[in-house]
Amino acid sequence: MTDTNARQPVTMSAAEFKTRREATGATQQWVARQLGHTTGTVNRWESGKCPVPVVAANLVRETDQSQLKERSQGSSR
């Protein structure tokens, strides 16, 4: 029998998620829209009340990487 209350693996801590989101300049509202969630849900991820889903962690990682790439290209011009 499987435990339906088993927690999913942590993909990113709440603090890391919030820090990465803020570093990119993305708002909670933007993240929520991208993923089809509410800002309340994003807030719960960031406060640690709910685990950060893999898709949300990947979104801020990808956004973070895009921002770094754009900044590095901009500084070499």
C-alpha atoms as a PDB file:
ATOM      1  CA  MET A   1       0.000   0.000   0.000  1.00  0.00           C
ATOM      2  CA  THR A   2       1.280   3.478  -0.824  1.00  0.00           C
ATOM      3  CA  ASP A   3       1.217   6.401   1.532  1.00  0.00           C
ATOM      4  CA  THR A   4      -0.877   9.111  -0.133  1.00  0.00           C
ATOM      5  CA  ASN A   5       0.346  11.616   2.455  1.00  0.00           C
ATOM      6  CA  ALA A   6       4.009  11.055   1.632  1.00  0.00           C
ATOM      7  CA  ARG A   7       5.795  14.327   0.971  1.00  0.00           C
ATOM      8  CA  GLN A   8       7.274  14.902  -2.433  1.00  0.00           C
ATOM      9  CA  PRO A   9      11.032  15.434  -2.583  1.00  0.00           C
ATOM     10  CA  VAL A  10      12.155  18.981  -1.955  1.00  0.00           C
ATOM     11  CA  THR A  11      13.311  20.482  -5.221  1.00  0.00           C
ATOM     12  CA  MET A  12      14.378  23.852  -3.885  1.00  0.00           C
ATOM     13  CA  SER A  13      14.057  25.457  -0.491  1.00  0.00           C
ATOM     14  CA  ALA A  14      11.512  28.194   0.027  1.00  0.00           C
ATOM     15  CA  ALA A  15      14.290  30.698   0.720  1.00  0.00           C
ATOM     16  CA  GLU A  16      16.236  29.762  -2.417  1.00  0.00           C
ATOM     17  CA  PHE A  17      13.082  29.983  -4.539  1.00  0.00           C
ATOM     18  CA  LYS A  18      12.272  33.468  -3.239  1.00  0.00           C
ATOM     19  CA  THR A  19      15.872  34.669  -3.554  1.00  0.00           C
ATOM     20  CA  ARG A  20      16.173  33.445  -7.138  1.00  0.00           C
ATOM     21  CA  ARG A  21      12.791  34.903  -8.105  1.00  0.00           C
ATOM     22  CA  GLU A  22      13.654  38.289  -6.648  1.00  0.00           C
ATOM     23  CA  ALA A  23      17.123  38.262  -8.266  1.00  0.00           C
ATOM     24  CA  THR A  24      15.533  37.958 -11.694  1.00  0.00           C
ATOM     25  CA  GLY A  25      13.087  40.777 -11.020  1.00  0.00           C
ATOM     26  CA  ALA A  26      10.127  38.434 -11.463  1.00  0.00           C
ATOM     27  CA  THR A  27       7.078  39.116  -9.321  1.00  0.00           C
ATOM     28  CA  GLN A  28       4.975  36.537  -7.531  1.00  0.00           C
ATOM     29  CA  GLN A  29       2.187  37.475  -9.928  1.00  0.00           C
ATOM     30  CA  TRP A  30       4.369  36.751 -12.977  1.00  0.00           C
ATOM     31  CA  VAL A  31       5.421  33.336 -11.611  1.00  0.00           C
ATOM     32  CA  ALA A  32       1.805  32.517 -10.770  1.00  0.00           C
ATOM     33  CA  ARG A  33       0.643  33.413 -14.289  1.00  0.00           C
ATOM     34  CA  GLN A  34       3.399  31.396 -15.938  1.00  0.00           C
ATOM     35  CA  LEU A  35       2.408  28.306 -13.969  1.00  0.00           C
ATOM     36  CA  GLY A  36      -1.367  28.754 -13.806  1.00  0.00           C
ATOM     37  CA  HIS A  37      -1.429  29.299 -10.046  1.00  0.00           C
ATOM     38  CA  THR A  38      -2.449  32.135  -7.757  1.00  0.00           C
ATOM     39  CA  THR A  39      -0.100  34.558  -6.050  1.00  0.00           C
ATOM     40  CA  GLY A  40      -1.276  33.004  -2.782  1.00  0.00           C
ATOM     41  CA  THR A  41       0.158  29.672  -3.891  1.00  0.00           C
ATOM     42  CA  VAL A  42       3.494  31.259  -4.805  1.00  0.00           C
ATOM     43  CA  ASN A  43       3.481  32.970  -1.413  1.00  0.00           C
ATOM     44  CA  ARG A  44       2.932  29.606   0.315  1.00  0.00           C
ATOM     45  CA  TRP A  45       5.918  28.147  -1.565  1.00  0.00           C
ATOM     46  CA  GLU A  46       8.088  31.075  -0.517  1.00  0.00           C
ATOM     47  CA  SER A  47       6.987  30.943   3.116  1.00  0.00           C
ATOM     48  CA  GLY A  48       7.629  27.201   3.309  1.00  0.00           C
ATOM     49  CA  LYS A  49       3.997  26.352   3.988  1.00  0.00           C
ATOM     50  CA  CYS A  50       3.944  24.182   0.839  1.00  0.00           C
ATOM     51  CA  PRO A  51       6.858  22.521  -0.956  1.00  0.00           C
ATOM     52  CA  VAL A  52       8.143  24.202  -4.110  1.00  0.00           C
ATOM     53  CA  PRO A  53       7.057  22.054  -7.082  1.00  0.00           C
ATOM     54  CA  VAL A  54       9.672  20.884  -9.586  1.00  0.00           C
ATOM     55  CA  VAL A  55       8.088  22.951 -12.368  1.00  0.00           C
ATOM     56  CA  ALA A  56       8.271  26.123 -10.261  1.00  0.00           C
ATOM     57  CA  ALA A  57      11.880  25.487  -9.268  1.00  0.00           C
ATOM     58  CA  ASN A  58      12.782  24.903 -12.908  1.00  0.00           C
ATOM     59  CA  LEU A  59      11.045  28.123 -13.965  1.00  0.00           C
ATOM     60  CA  VAL A  60      13.093  30.304 -11.610  1.00  0.00           C
ATOM     61  CA  ARG A  61      16.290  28.417 -12.476  1.00  0.00           C
ATOM     62  CA  GLU A  62      15.683  28.931 -16.206  1.00  0.00           C
ATOM     63  CA  THR A  63      14.722  32.564 -15.689  1.00  0.00           C
ATOM     64  CA  ASP A  64      17.823  33.064 -13.549  1.00  0.00           C
ATOM     65  CA  GLN A  65      20.037  31.551 -16.249  1.00  0.00           C
ATOM     66  CA  SER A  66      18.408  33.711 -18.945  1.00  0.00           C
ATOM     67  CA  GLN A  67      18.979  36.836 -16.853  1.00  0.00           C
ATOM     68  CA  LEU A  68      22.624  35.957 -16.308  1.00  0.00           C
ATOM     69  CA  LYS A  69      23.138  35.309 -20.015  1.00  0.00           C
ATOM     70  CA  GLU A  70      21.487  38.609 -20.988  1.00  0.00           C
ATOM     71  CA  ARG A  71      23.534  40.540 -18.432  1.00  0.00           C
ATOM     72  CA  SER A  72      26.807  38.982 -19.569  1.00  0.00           C
ATOM     73  CA  GLN A  73      26.040  39.726 -23.221  1.00  0.00           C
ATOM     74  CA  GLY A  74      25.061  43.270 -22.360  1.00  0.00           C
ATOM     75  CA  SER A  75      28.265  43.926 -20.450  1.00  0.00           C
ATOM     76  CA  SER A  76      30.448  42.744 -23.340  1.00  0.00           C
ATOM     77  CA  ARG A  77      28.983  45.268 -25.774  1.00  0.00           C
END
